[in-house]
Amino acid sequence: MDTGRLAHVRWLGGGSGAAKSTVARELARRHGVDVYDTDAAMADHARRLAPGRAPLLHRFLAMSMDERWVLRDPAEMLDTFHWFAGEGFDLLVADLLERPADRIVVAEGFRLLPGLVLPLTGAAAGRALWLLPTPDFRRRAFRGRGSEGDVAGRTSDPPRALANLLARDALFTARLGADLADRAPQAVVPVDGGRPLGALVEDVAERFGLGPATVRPPAP
């Protein structure tokens, strides 16, 4: 692919509960960028992916909730989760190619894997970043948005399902960190809650080369 066709895209990946969506919304408000929420596209992409193109997705869809989240160990969940394997990433790219190229678009979501994203940046610095949350920050994020029971609550053993889900996501974040240590260590943004949201947002904006904020951030 001609990477110049995606030069207007900034990629914001990372583990679940890393504040990606919050940061992206603030970048849109303060810096006037567009946002492409890859989570919001998952249902549409899943409908469009045939079994031959996404075998892990269709295996996952055929499972019961207990088979997905209770009866397997977190390492197996990680290795067989379709989005973590990059299934449907071509549809995500196709969506972005339909966006006008005269305005910066921040694509955000956990589906943005370094091995898939970095080749699309043309090795240009500052086009792709990954927010890597600590386990404690991720747990606080889930509690804060009331999403802890969304998945686990639909199983026969919610505590075990939740523990498995959190452990799987911790493994995913560790895998991202190890991958980026080899490919692009400068693209890592640690997230532990030790600095205000505004400071995190402006750090990302500066790395993305977005320039000064055009809207004053809210008072703390």
N, C-alpha and C. Protein backbone atom coordinates (compact mmCIF):
# COMPACT_ATOMS: atom_id res chain seq x y z
N MET A 1 0.84 -1.21 0.00
CA MET A 1 0.00 0.00 0.00
C MET A 1 0.87 1.25 0.00
N ASP A 2 0.41 2.29 -0.71
CA ASP A 2 1.06 3.59 -0.66
C ASP A 2 0.76 4.21 0.70
N THR A 3 1.76 4.25 1.57
CA THR A 3 1.53 4.74 2.93
C THR A 3 1.14 6.20 2.96
N GLY A 4 1.42 6.94 1.88
CA GLY A 4 1.03 8.34 1.82
C GLY A 4 -0.47 8.54 1.86
N ARG A 5 -1.24 7.52 1.49
CA ARG A 5 -2.70 7.63 1.51
C ARG A 5 -3.24 7.67 2.92
N LEU A 6 -2.42 7.28 3.89
CA LEU A 6 -2.84 7.30 5.30
C LEU A 6 -2.01 8.28 6.11
N ALA A 7 -1.37 9.23 5.44
CA ALA A 7 -0.51 10.18 6.15
C ALA A 7 -1.30 11.07 7.10
N HIS A 8 -2.61 11.21 6.87
CA HIS A 8 -3.45 12.04 7.75
C HIS A 8 -3.92 11.29 8.99
N VAL A 9 -3.58 10.00 9.11
CA VAL A 9 -4.06 9.18 10.22
C VAL A 9 -3.01 9.14 11.33
N ARG A 10 -3.48 9.31 12.57
CA ARG A 10 -2.67 9.08 13.74
C ARG A 10 -3.28 7.88 14.47
N TRP A 11 -2.44 6.95 14.85
CA TRP A 11 -2.90 5.68 15.41
C TRP A 11 -2.69 5.68 16.92
N LEU A 12 -3.74 5.41 17.67
CA LEU A 12 -3.67 5.40 19.14
C LEU A 12 -4.16 4.05 19.64
N GLY A 13 -3.22 3.15 19.89
CA GLY A 13 -3.57 1.81 20.34
C GLY A 13 -3.27 1.63 21.81
N GLY A 14 -3.41 0.39 22.27
CA GLY A 14 -3.10 0.09 23.66
C GLY A 14 -4.05 -0.91 24.27
N GLY A 15 -3.74 -1.31 25.48
CA GLY A 15 -4.56 -2.28 26.18
C GLY A 15 -5.90 -1.71 26.61
N SER A 16 -6.81 -2.62 26.93
CA SER A 16 -8.14 -2.20 27.40
C SER A 16 -8.00 -1.42 28.70
N GLY A 17 -8.83 -0.38 28.86
CA GLY A 17 -8.81 0.42 30.07
C GLY A 17 -7.63 1.35 30.17
N ALA A 18 -7.04 1.73 29.01
CA ALA A 18 -5.87 2.62 29.01
C ALA A 18 -6.24 4.07 28.79
N ALA A 19 -7.52 4.39 28.71
CA ALA A 19 -8.02 5.76 28.48
C ALA A 19 -7.86 6.20 27.04
N LYS A 20 -7.79 5.26 26.11
CA LYS A 20 -7.65 5.61 24.68
C LYS A 20 -8.83 6.46 24.21
N SER A 21 -10.04 6.01 24.50
CA SER A 21 -11.23 6.73 24.03
C SER A 21 -11.31 8.12 24.65
N THR A 22 -10.99 8.20 25.94
CA THR A 22 -11.03 9.49 26.62
C THR A 22 -10.01 10.45 26.01
N VAL A 23 -8.81 9.97 25.79
CA VAL A 23 -7.77 10.81 25.20
C VAL A 23 -8.17 11.24 23.79
N ALA A 24 -8.70 10.32 23.01
CA ALA A 24 -9.11 10.65 21.64
C ALA A 24 -10.21 11.71 21.63
N ARG A 25 -11.19 11.58 22.53
CA ARG A 25 -12.26 12.58 22.58
C ARG A 25 -11.70 13.95 22.95
N GLU A 26 -10.75 13.98 23.88
CA GLU A 26 -10.15 15.25 24.27
C GLU A 26 -9.31 15.84 23.14
N LEU A 27 -8.64 15.00 22.37
CA LEU A 27 -7.89 15.49 21.21
C LEU A 27 -8.85 16.11 20.19
N ALA A 28 -10.02 15.51 20.03
CA ALA A 28 -11.01 16.06 19.10
C ALA A 28 -11.52 17.41 19.60
N ARG A 29 -11.76 17.50 20.91
CA ARG A 29 -12.31 18.73 21.46
C ARG A 29 -11.28 19.85 21.46
N ARG A 30 -10.05 19.52 21.84
CA ARG A 30 -9.04 20.56 21.99
C ARG A 30 -8.33 20.91 20.69
N HIS A 31 -8.16 19.90 19.82
CA HIS A 31 -7.32 20.10 18.64
C HIS A 31 -8.08 19.96 17.32
N GLY A 32 -9.37 19.66 17.40
CA GLY A 32 -10.19 19.63 16.21
C GLY A 32 -9.97 18.46 15.27
N VAL A 33 -9.39 17.37 15.76
CA VAL A 33 -9.19 16.21 14.91
C VAL A 33 -10.48 15.40 14.81
N ASP A 34 -10.57 14.57 13.79
CA ASP A 34 -11.63 13.57 13.72
C ASP A 34 -11.18 12.33 14.48
N VAL A 35 -12.14 11.54 14.92
CA VAL A 35 -11.83 10.31 15.64
C VAL A 35 -12.50 9.14 14.95
N TYR A 36 -11.75 8.06 14.75
CA TYR A 36 -12.31 6.81 14.25
C TYR A 36 -12.21 5.79 15.39
N ASP A 37 -13.35 5.44 15.95
CA ASP A 37 -13.45 4.52 17.07
C ASP A 37 -13.52 3.09 16.52
N THR A 38 -12.41 2.36 16.63
CA THR A 38 -12.39 1.02 16.05
C THR A 38 -13.29 0.05 16.83
N ASP A 39 -13.52 0.31 18.12
CA ASP A 39 -14.45 -0.53 18.88
C ASP A 39 -15.86 -0.45 18.28
N ALA A 40 -16.26 0.76 17.90
CA ALA A 40 -17.61 0.96 17.37
C ALA A 40 -17.80 0.25 16.04
N ALA A 41 -16.71 -0.04 15.34
CA ALA A 41 -16.80 -0.71 14.03
C ALA A 41 -16.79 -2.23 14.15
N MET A 42 -16.56 -2.76 15.35
CA MET A 42 -16.38 -4.21 15.48
C MET A 42 -17.61 -5.00 15.04
N ALA A 43 -18.80 -4.58 15.44
CA ALA A 43 -20.00 -5.35 15.09
C ALA A 43 -20.19 -5.39 13.58
N ASP A 44 -20.01 -4.24 12.92
CA ASP A 44 -20.15 -4.20 11.47
C ASP A 44 -19.09 -5.08 10.79
N HIS A 45 -17.86 -4.99 11.25
CA HIS A 45 -16.79 -5.80 10.66
C HIS A 45 -17.05 -7.29 10.88
N ALA A 46 -17.52 -7.66 12.07
CA ALA A 46 -17.80 -9.07 12.35
C ALA A 46 -18.87 -9.61 11.41
N ARG A 47 -19.88 -8.80 11.11
CA ARG A 47 -20.94 -9.24 10.19
C ARG A 47 -20.39 -9.45 8.78
N ARG A 48 -19.39 -8.70 8.41
CA ARG A 48 -18.88 -8.74 7.04
C ARG A 48 -17.78 -9.77 6.82
N LEU A 49 -17.28 -10.36 7.90
CA LEU A 49 -16.16 -11.30 7.78
C LEU A 49 -16.67 -12.74 7.66
N ALA A 50 -16.40 -13.36 6.52
CA ALA A 50 -16.78 -14.74 6.30
C ALA A 50 -15.85 -15.66 7.09
N PRO A 51 -16.29 -16.90 7.37
CA PRO A 51 -15.45 -17.82 8.14
C PRO A 51 -14.06 -18.02 7.57
N GLY A 52 -13.94 -18.05 6.26
CA GLY A 52 -12.63 -18.26 5.66
C GLY A 52 -11.67 -17.12 5.90
N ARG A 53 -12.21 -15.93 6.12
CA ARG A 53 -11.37 -14.75 6.36
C ARG A 53 -11.12 -14.53 7.85
N ALA A 54 -11.96 -15.09 8.68
CA ALA A 54 -11.84 -14.84 10.12
C ALA A 54 -12.23 -16.10 10.90
N PRO A 55 -11.41 -17.13 10.83
CA PRO A 55 -11.77 -18.39 11.52
C PRO A 55 -11.84 -18.25 13.03
N LEU A 56 -10.97 -17.45 13.62
CA LEU A 56 -11.01 -17.28 15.07
C LEU A 56 -12.27 -16.57 15.51
N LEU A 57 -12.69 -15.57 14.75
CA LEU A 57 -13.93 -14.85 15.06
C LEU A 57 -15.11 -15.82 15.07
N HIS A 58 -15.23 -16.64 14.05
CA HIS A 58 -16.40 -17.52 13.96
C HIS A 58 -16.34 -18.64 15.00
N ARG A 59 -15.15 -19.05 15.39
CA ARG A 59 -15.04 -20.01 16.48
C ARG A 59 -15.51 -19.37 17.78
N PHE A 60 -15.13 -18.12 17.99
CA PHE A 60 -15.53 -17.38 19.18
C PHE A 60 -17.04 -17.19 19.22
N LEU A 61 -17.64 -16.82 18.09
CA LEU A 61 -19.07 -16.59 18.04
C LEU A 61 -19.88 -17.85 18.33
N ALA A 62 -19.30 -19.00 18.03
CA ALA A 62 -20.01 -20.27 18.26
C ALA A 62 -19.94 -20.71 19.72
N MET A 63 -19.13 -20.06 20.53
CA MET A 63 -18.99 -20.45 21.93
C MET A 63 -20.09 -19.86 22.79
N SER A 64 -20.38 -20.54 23.89
CA SER A 64 -21.23 -19.96 24.94
C SER A 64 -20.42 -18.95 25.73
N MET A 65 -21.08 -18.15 26.56
CA MET A 65 -20.35 -17.19 27.38
C MET A 65 -19.39 -17.89 28.35
N ASP A 66 -19.80 -19.02 28.90
CA ASP A 66 -18.90 -19.75 29.80
C ASP A 66 -17.70 -20.29 29.04
N GLU A 67 -17.92 -20.79 27.83
CA GLU A 67 -16.79 -21.29 27.04
C GLU A 67 -15.81 -20.16 26.71
N ARG A 68 -16.34 -18.97 26.53
CA ARG A 68 -15.46 -17.84 26.22
C ARG A 68 -14.66 -17.38 27.42
N TRP A 69 -15.31 -17.25 28.59
CA TRP A 69 -14.72 -16.50 29.69
C TRP A 69 -14.48 -17.27 30.98
N VAL A 70 -15.05 -18.48 31.11
CA VAL A 70 -14.92 -19.23 32.37
C VAL A 70 -14.09 -20.49 32.19
N LEU A 71 -14.31 -21.21 31.13
CA LEU A 71 -13.76 -22.56 30.98
C LEU A 71 -12.38 -22.61 30.34
N ARG A 72 -11.84 -21.48 29.93
CA ARG A 72 -10.51 -21.45 29.33
C ARG A 72 -9.58 -20.58 30.17
N ASP A 73 -8.29 -20.85 30.08
CA ASP A 73 -7.36 -20.03 30.85
C ASP A 73 -7.04 -18.76 30.06
N PRO A 74 -6.57 -17.69 30.74
CA PRO A 74 -6.33 -16.41 30.09
C PRO A 74 -5.35 -16.46 28.94
N ALA A 75 -4.34 -17.33 29.02
CA ALA A 75 -3.37 -17.41 27.93
C ALA A 75 -4.03 -17.93 26.65
N GLU A 76 -4.91 -18.91 26.79
CA GLU A 76 -5.63 -19.42 25.62
C GLU A 76 -6.57 -18.35 25.07
N MET A 77 -7.24 -17.63 25.96
CA MET A 77 -8.12 -16.54 25.52
C MET A 77 -7.34 -15.52 24.70
N LEU A 78 -6.14 -15.19 25.16
CA LEU A 78 -5.31 -14.23 24.45
C LEU A 78 -4.93 -14.74 23.07
N ASP A 79 -4.46 -15.97 23.01
CA ASP A 79 -3.93 -16.50 21.75
C ASP A 79 -5.00 -16.77 20.71
N THR A 80 -6.26 -16.90 21.13
CA THR A 80 -7.32 -17.24 20.18
C THR A 80 -8.31 -16.11 19.95
N PHE A 81 -8.07 -14.93 20.55
CA PHE A 81 -9.03 -13.83 20.37
C PHE A 81 -8.80 -13.20 19.01
N HIS A 82 -9.85 -13.14 18.22
CA HIS A 82 -9.75 -12.77 16.81
C HIS A 82 -9.18 -11.38 16.58
N TRP A 83 -9.64 -10.39 17.38
CA TRP A 83 -9.14 -9.02 17.17
C TRP A 83 -7.67 -8.92 17.55
N PHE A 84 -7.24 -9.67 18.55
CA PHE A 84 -5.82 -9.66 18.93
C PHE A 84 -4.96 -10.33 17.85
N ALA A 85 -5.58 -11.14 17.01
CA ALA A 85 -4.85 -11.79 15.92
C ALA A 85 -4.87 -10.98 14.63
N GLY A 86 -5.56 -9.84 14.66
CA GLY A 86 -5.58 -8.97 13.49
C GLY A 86 -6.67 -9.26 12.48
N GLU A 87 -7.59 -10.17 12.80
CA GLU A 87 -8.67 -10.44 11.85
C GLU A 87 -9.52 -9.19 11.67
N GLY A 88 -9.85 -8.86 10.43
CA GLY A 88 -10.66 -7.69 10.13
C GLY A 88 -9.90 -6.39 10.06
N PHE A 89 -8.59 -6.42 10.21
CA PHE A 89 -7.82 -5.17 10.16
C PHE A 89 -7.91 -4.52 8.79
N ASP A 90 -8.05 -5.32 7.74
CA ASP A 90 -8.16 -4.76 6.39
C ASP A 90 -9.43 -3.92 6.25
N LEU A 91 -10.50 -4.31 6.95
CA LEU A 91 -11.73 -3.52 6.89
C LEU A 91 -11.55 -2.20 7.61
N LEU A 92 -10.81 -2.22 8.69
CA LEU A 92 -10.50 -1.01 9.42
C LEU A 92 -9.73 -0.03 8.54
N VAL A 93 -8.74 -0.53 7.82
CA VAL A 93 -7.95 0.32 6.92
C VAL A 93 -8.84 0.86 5.80
N ALA A 94 -9.72 0.02 5.27
CA ALA A 94 -10.62 0.47 4.22
C ALA A 94 -11.51 1.61 4.71
N ASP A 95 -11.99 1.51 5.95
CA ASP A 95 -12.79 2.60 6.52
C ASP A 95 -11.99 3.90 6.55
N LEU A 96 -10.75 3.81 6.96
CA LEU A 96 -9.92 5.01 7.07
C LEU A 96 -9.62 5.62 5.71
N LEU A 97 -9.47 4.78 4.71
CA LEU A 97 -9.19 5.30 3.36
C LEU A 97 -10.38 6.06 2.79
N GLU A 98 -11.56 5.83 3.35
CA GLU A 98 -12.74 6.56 2.90
C GLU A 98 -12.87 7.93 3.56
N ARG A 99 -12.09 8.17 4.60
CA ARG A 99 -12.15 9.46 5.29
C ARG A 99 -11.43 10.52 4.45
N PRO A 100 -11.92 11.77 4.48
CA PRO A 100 -11.21 12.85 3.78
C PRO A 100 -9.79 12.98 4.30
N ALA A 101 -8.85 13.17 3.38
CA ALA A 101 -7.44 13.22 3.75
C ALA A 101 -6.96 14.62 4.10
N ASP A 102 -7.88 15.60 4.13
CA ASP A 102 -7.46 16.97 4.40
C ASP A 102 -7.60 17.33 5.88
N ARG A 103 -7.84 16.32 6.72
CA ARG A 103 -8.00 16.57 8.15
C ARG A 103 -7.43 15.39 8.92
N ILE A 104 -6.76 15.67 10.03
CA ILE A 104 -6.17 14.60 10.84
C ILE A 104 -7.27 13.71 11.42
N VAL A 105 -7.07 12.42 11.30
CA VAL A 105 -7.97 11.44 11.90
C VAL A 105 -7.18 10.64 12.94
N VAL A 106 -7.69 10.57 14.15
CA VAL A 106 -7.09 9.73 15.19
C VAL A 106 -7.88 8.42 15.25
N ALA A 107 -7.26 7.34 14.82
CA ALA A 107 -7.87 6.01 14.94
C ALA A 107 -7.47 5.45 16.29
N GLU A 108 -8.45 5.03 17.07
CA GLU A 108 -8.13 4.55 18.42
C GLU A 108 -8.80 3.21 18.71
N GLY A 109 -8.08 2.37 19.45
CA GLY A 109 -8.65 1.10 19.86
C GLY A 109 -7.59 0.04 20.07
N PHE A 110 -7.96 -1.04 20.74
CA PHE A 110 -7.00 -2.10 21.04
C PHE A 110 -6.67 -2.94 19.82
N ARG A 111 -7.46 -2.81 18.73
CA ARG A 111 -7.22 -3.61 17.53
C ARG A 111 -6.00 -3.13 16.74
N LEU A 112 -5.42 -2.03 17.15
CA LEU A 112 -4.30 -1.45 16.41
C LEU A 112 -3.00 -2.10 16.88
N LEU A 113 -2.62 -3.20 16.26
CA LEU A 113 -1.46 -3.97 16.65
C LEU A 113 -0.21 -3.41 15.98
N PRO A 114 0.90 -3.33 16.71
CA PRO A 114 2.11 -2.72 16.13
C PRO A 114 2.55 -3.33 14.81
N GLY A 115 2.50 -4.65 14.70
CA GLY A 115 2.94 -5.30 13.47
C GLY A 115 2.10 -4.97 12.26
N LEU A 116 0.86 -4.55 12.50
CA LEU A 116 -0.04 -4.17 11.40
C LEU A 116 0.00 -2.67 11.13
N VAL A 117 0.15 -1.88 12.18
CA VAL A 117 0.08 -0.43 12.05
C VAL A 117 1.39 0.18 11.57
N LEU A 118 2.50 -0.23 12.16
CA LEU A 118 3.76 0.44 11.87
C LEU A 118 4.14 0.42 10.39
N PRO A 119 3.90 -0.67 9.64
CA PRO A 119 4.21 -0.62 8.21
C PRO A 119 3.40 0.43 7.44
N LEU A 120 2.25 0.84 8.00
CA LEU A 120 1.41 1.82 7.32
C LEU A 120 1.83 3.25 7.61
N THR A 121 2.76 3.43 8.54
CA THR A 121 3.21 4.78 8.87
C THR A 121 4.41 5.22 8.05
N GLY A 122 4.97 4.31 7.25
CA GLY A 122 6.14 4.66 6.48
C GLY A 122 7.33 5.00 7.35
N ALA A 123 7.39 4.41 8.54
CA ALA A 123 8.47 4.66 9.50
C ALA A 123 8.52 6.11 9.97
N ALA A 124 7.45 6.87 9.75
CA ALA A 124 7.42 8.27 10.19
C ALA A 124 7.20 8.33 11.70
N ALA A 125 8.03 9.09 12.39
CA ALA A 125 7.89 9.22 13.83
C ALA A 125 6.64 10.01 14.17
N GLY A 126 6.01 9.66 15.28
CA GLY A 126 4.88 10.43 15.77
C GLY A 126 3.55 10.15 15.11
N ARG A 127 3.45 9.10 14.33
CA ARG A 127 2.15 8.78 13.73
C ARG A 127 1.42 7.67 14.47
N ALA A 128 2.11 6.94 15.32
CA ALA A 128 1.48 5.83 16.04
C ALA A 128 2.00 5.79 17.47
N LEU A 129 1.06 5.70 18.42
CA LEU A 129 1.39 5.60 19.83
C LEU A 129 0.53 4.53 20.48
N TRP A 130 1.06 3.94 21.55
CA TRP A 130 0.30 2.94 22.30
C TRP A 130 0.30 3.30 23.76
N LEU A 131 -0.90 3.42 24.34
CA LEU A 131 -1.06 3.66 25.76
C LEU A 131 -1.05 2.31 26.48
N LEU A 132 -0.11 2.14 27.38
CA LEU A 132 0.01 0.86 28.09
C LEU A 132 -0.32 1.07 29.57
N PRO A 133 -1.50 0.60 30.00
CA PRO A 133 -1.93 0.83 31.38
C PRO A 133 -1.33 -0.18 32.35
N THR A 134 -1.13 0.25 33.58
CA THR A 134 -0.79 -0.70 34.64
C THR A 134 -2.06 -1.48 35.02
N PRO A 135 -1.91 -2.67 35.61
CA PRO A 135 -3.11 -3.42 36.03
C PRO A 135 -4.01 -2.63 36.97
N ASP A 136 -3.42 -1.90 37.91
CA ASP A 136 -4.24 -1.13 38.85
C ASP A 136 -5.03 -0.04 38.13
N PHE A 137 -4.39 0.64 37.19
CA PHE A 137 -5.09 1.68 36.46
C PHE A 137 -6.25 1.08 35.66
N ARG A 138 -6.01 -0.08 35.04
CA ARG A 138 -7.05 -0.71 34.24
C ARG A 138 -8.24 -1.10 35.10
N ARG A 139 -7.98 -1.65 36.28
CA ARG A 139 -9.09 -2.03 37.18
C ARG A 139 -9.88 -0.80 37.59
N ARG A 140 -9.17 0.29 37.92
CA ARG A 140 -9.88 1.52 38.30
C ARG A 140 -10.70 2.04 37.14
N ALA A 141 -10.17 1.94 35.94
CA ALA A 141 -10.90 2.42 34.76
C ALA A 141 -12.18 1.62 34.56
N PHE A 142 -12.11 0.30 34.70
CA PHE A 142 -13.30 -0.53 34.53
C PHE A 142 -14.35 -0.22 35.59
N ARG A 143 -13.88 -0.05 36.85
CA ARG A 143 -14.83 0.26 37.92
C ARG A 143 -15.47 1.63 37.68
N GLY A 144 -14.67 2.58 37.24
CA GLY A 144 -15.17 3.93 37.03
C GLY A 144 -16.23 4.03 35.96
N ARG A 145 -16.13 3.19 34.94
CA ARG A 145 -17.13 3.26 33.87
C ARG A 145 -18.22 2.20 34.02
N GLY A 146 -18.18 1.46 35.16
CA GLY A 146 -19.24 0.51 35.45
C GLY A 146 -19.31 -0.66 34.51
N SER A 147 -18.18 -1.05 33.91
CA SER A 147 -18.20 -2.09 32.89
C SER A 147 -17.67 -3.43 33.39
N GLU A 148 -17.34 -3.52 34.67
CA GLU A 148 -16.76 -4.76 35.17
C GLU A 148 -17.67 -5.97 34.93
N GLY A 149 -18.98 -5.78 35.10
CA GLY A 149 -19.88 -6.92 35.00
C GLY A 149 -20.53 -7.09 33.64
N ASP A 150 -20.22 -6.25 32.67
CA ASP A 150 -20.89 -6.32 31.38
C ASP A 150 -20.74 -7.69 30.74
N VAL A 151 -19.53 -8.22 30.75
CA VAL A 151 -19.27 -9.54 30.17
C VAL A 151 -19.39 -10.61 31.24
N ALA A 152 -18.67 -10.43 32.34
CA ALA A 152 -18.64 -11.46 33.38
C ALA A 152 -20.02 -11.77 33.94
N GLY A 153 -20.89 -10.76 34.01
CA GLY A 153 -22.22 -10.95 34.57
C GLY A 153 -23.13 -11.84 33.76
N ARG A 154 -22.72 -12.13 32.53
CA ARG A 154 -23.53 -13.01 31.67
C ARG A 154 -22.99 -14.43 31.64
N THR A 155 -22.13 -14.76 32.61
CA THR A 155 -21.63 -16.13 32.74
C THR A 155 -22.18 -16.75 34.01
N SER A 156 -21.89 -18.04 34.19
CA SER A 156 -22.36 -18.73 35.40
C SER A 156 -21.45 -18.47 36.60
N ASP A 157 -20.29 -17.88 36.36
CA ASP A 157 -19.31 -17.64 37.43
C ASP A 157 -18.67 -16.26 37.21
N PRO A 158 -19.40 -15.19 37.52
CA PRO A 158 -18.89 -13.84 37.24
C PRO A 158 -17.52 -13.53 37.85
N PRO A 159 -17.25 -13.90 39.12
CA PRO A 159 -15.92 -13.57 39.66
C PRO A 159 -14.78 -14.22 38.87
N ARG A 160 -14.96 -15.49 38.52
CA ARG A 160 -13.90 -16.17 37.76
C ARG A 160 -13.79 -15.58 36.36
N ALA A 161 -14.91 -15.29 35.73
CA ALA A 161 -14.87 -14.70 34.39
C ALA A 161 -14.17 -13.36 34.41
N LEU A 162 -14.47 -12.55 35.43
CA LEU A 162 -13.83 -11.24 35.52
C LEU A 162 -12.33 -11.38 35.75
N ALA A 163 -11.94 -12.30 36.62
CA ALA A 163 -10.51 -12.52 36.87
C ALA A 163 -9.81 -12.98 35.60
N ASN A 164 -10.46 -13.87 34.84
CA ASN A 164 -9.88 -14.33 33.58
C ASN A 164 -9.74 -13.19 32.58
N LEU A 165 -10.77 -12.35 32.50
CA LEU A 165 -10.76 -11.25 31.55
C LEU A 165 -9.65 -10.25 31.89
N LEU A 166 -9.53 -9.91 33.17
CA LEU A 166 -8.49 -8.97 33.58
C LEU A 166 -7.10 -9.57 33.35
N ALA A 167 -6.95 -10.87 33.62
CA ALA A 167 -5.66 -11.52 33.41
C ALA A 167 -5.32 -11.57 31.92
N ARG A 168 -6.32 -11.87 31.09
CA ARG A 168 -6.07 -11.88 29.64
C ARG A 168 -5.63 -10.52 29.15
N ASP A 169 -6.30 -9.45 29.61
CA ASP A 169 -5.95 -8.11 29.18
C ASP A 169 -4.58 -7.69 29.68
N ALA A 170 -4.21 -8.15 30.88
CA ALA A 170 -2.86 -7.88 31.38
C ALA A 170 -1.81 -8.56 30.51
N LEU A 171 -2.09 -9.79 30.09
CA LEU A 171 -1.19 -10.49 29.19
C LEU A 171 -1.09 -9.77 27.85
N PHE A 172 -2.21 -9.25 27.37
CA PHE A 172 -2.20 -8.52 26.10
C PHE A 172 -1.35 -7.26 26.20
N THR A 173 -1.51 -6.53 27.30
CA THR A 173 -0.70 -5.33 27.49
C THR A 173 0.78 -5.67 27.57
N ALA A 174 1.11 -6.76 28.27
CA ALA A 174 2.52 -7.19 28.34
C ALA A 174 3.05 -7.57 26.97
N ARG A 175 2.22 -8.23 26.19
CA ARG A 175 2.64 -8.61 24.83
C ARG A 175 2.87 -7.37 23.97
N LEU A 176 1.99 -6.38 24.09
CA LEU A 176 2.19 -5.14 23.36
C LEU A 176 3.51 -4.48 23.76
N GLY A 177 3.76 -4.43 25.06
CA GLY A 177 4.98 -3.81 25.55
C GLY A 177 6.22 -4.49 25.01
N ALA A 178 6.22 -5.82 25.01
CA ALA A 178 7.37 -6.57 24.51
C ALA A 178 7.55 -6.36 23.00
N ASP A 179 6.45 -6.35 22.27
CA ASP A 179 6.51 -6.14 20.83
C ASP A 179 7.05 -4.74 20.50
N LEU A 180 6.56 -3.75 21.23
CA LEU A 180 7.00 -2.37 20.97
C LEU A 180 8.43 -2.14 21.42
N ALA A 181 8.89 -2.86 22.43
CA ALA A 181 10.27 -2.74 22.86
C ALA A 181 11.22 -3.10 21.72
N ASP A 182 10.78 -4.04 20.88
CA ASP A 182 11.59 -4.45 19.73
C ASP A 182 11.37 -3.55 18.52
N ARG A 183 10.13 -3.13 18.30
CA ARG A 183 9.80 -2.43 17.06
C ARG A 183 9.90 -0.91 17.18
N ALA A 184 9.35 -0.36 18.26
CA ALA A 184 9.25 1.10 18.36
C ALA A 184 9.10 1.53 19.82
N PRO A 185 10.15 1.43 20.61
CA PRO A 185 10.03 1.78 22.03
C PRO A 185 9.61 3.23 22.25
N GLN A 186 9.92 4.11 21.31
CA GLN A 186 9.55 5.52 21.44
C GLN A 186 8.05 5.74 21.31
N ALA A 187 7.33 4.73 20.86
CA ALA A 187 5.88 4.86 20.67
C ALA A 187 5.08 4.46 21.88
N VAL A 188 5.72 4.10 22.97
CA VAL A 188 5.03 3.67 24.19
C VAL A 188 4.73 4.87 25.08
N VAL A 189 3.49 4.94 25.56
CA VAL A 189 3.07 5.96 26.53
C VAL A 189 2.54 5.22 27.76
N PRO A 190 3.32 5.14 28.83
CA PRO A 190 2.83 4.46 30.04
C PRO A 190 1.67 5.23 30.66
N VAL A 191 0.69 4.50 31.19
CA VAL A 191 -0.48 5.12 31.83
C VAL A 191 -0.66 4.45 33.19
N ASP A 192 -0.41 5.22 34.25
CA ASP A 192 -0.56 4.67 35.60
C ASP A 192 -1.40 5.56 36.50
N GLY A 193 -1.95 6.63 35.95
CA GLY A 193 -2.75 7.55 36.76
C GLY A 193 -1.93 8.54 37.54
N GLY A 194 -0.62 8.57 37.33
CA GLY A 194 0.24 9.45 38.09
C GLY A 194 0.28 10.88 37.62
N ARG A 195 -0.37 11.18 36.51
CA ARG A 195 -0.44 12.57 36.03
C ARG A 195 -1.87 12.86 35.59
N PRO A 196 -2.28 14.12 35.60
CA PRO A 196 -3.65 14.47 35.23
C PRO A 196 -3.95 14.10 33.77
N LEU A 197 -5.23 13.91 33.51
CA LEU A 197 -5.64 13.57 32.15
C LEU A 197 -5.16 14.62 31.15
N GLY A 198 -5.27 15.90 31.51
CA GLY A 198 -4.86 16.94 30.59
C GLY A 198 -3.41 16.83 30.18
N ALA A 199 -2.54 16.47 31.12
CA ALA A 199 -1.13 16.30 30.81
C ALA A 199 -0.91 15.13 29.86
N LEU A 200 -1.66 14.05 30.07
CA LEU A 200 -1.56 12.90 29.18
C LEU A 200 -2.03 13.27 27.78
N VAL A 201 -3.15 13.97 27.69
CA VAL A 201 -3.69 14.38 26.39
C VAL A 201 -2.69 15.25 25.64
N GLU A 202 -2.12 16.23 26.32
CA GLU A 202 -1.20 17.13 25.63
C GLU A 202 0.13 16.46 25.29
N ASP A 203 0.52 15.47 26.07
CA ASP A 203 1.69 14.67 25.71
C ASP A 203 1.44 13.95 24.39
N VAL A 204 0.28 13.30 24.28
CA VAL A 204 -0.08 12.60 23.04
C VAL A 204 -0.19 13.59 21.88
N ALA A 205 -0.82 14.74 22.12
CA ALA A 205 -0.97 15.74 21.06
C ALA A 205 0.39 16.21 20.55
N GLU A 206 1.31 16.44 21.48
CA GLU A 206 2.64 16.90 21.07
C GLU A 206 3.36 15.83 20.25
N ARG A 207 3.27 14.60 20.70
CA ARG A 207 3.92 13.51 19.96
C ARG A 207 3.30 13.33 18.58
N PHE A 208 2.00 13.56 18.48
CA PHE A 208 1.31 13.47 17.19
C PHE A 208 1.55 14.69 16.31
N GLY A 209 2.16 15.73 16.85
CA GLY A 209 2.42 16.93 16.07
C GLY A 209 1.17 17.73 15.77
N LEU A 210 0.25 17.79 16.72
CA LEU A 210 -1.03 18.46 16.49
C LEU A 210 -0.98 19.97 16.73
N GLY A 211 0.09 20.47 17.29
CA GLY A 211 0.17 21.91 17.55
C GLY A 211 -0.58 22.30 18.79
N PRO A 212 -0.62 23.62 19.10
CA PRO A 212 -1.28 24.10 20.31
C PRO A 212 -2.79 23.80 20.27
N ALA A 213 -3.36 23.61 21.47
CA ALA A 213 -4.80 23.39 21.56
C ALA A 213 -5.54 24.65 21.12
N THR A 214 -6.63 24.45 20.41
CA THR A 214 -7.45 25.57 19.97
C THR A 214 -8.61 25.86 20.92
N VAL A 215 -8.86 24.93 21.84
CA VAL A 215 -9.91 25.08 22.85
C VAL A 215 -9.27 24.94 24.21
N ARG A 216 -9.55 25.86 25.11
CA ARG A 216 -8.96 25.81 26.43
C ARG A 216 -9.49 24.59 27.18
N PRO A 217 -8.57 23.79 27.78
CA PRO A 217 -9.05 22.63 28.56
C PRO A 217 -9.86 23.09 29.77
N PRO A 218 -10.74 22.22 30.26
CA PRO A 218 -11.55 22.58 31.43
C PRO A 218 -10.67 22.76 32.66
N ALA A 219 -11.15 23.58 33.59
CA ALA A 219 -10.41 23.77 34.84
C ALA A 219 -10.39 22.48 35.62
N PRO A 220 -9.25 22.17 36.28
CA PRO A 220 -9.18 20.91 37.05
C PRO A 220 -10.12 20.94 38.25
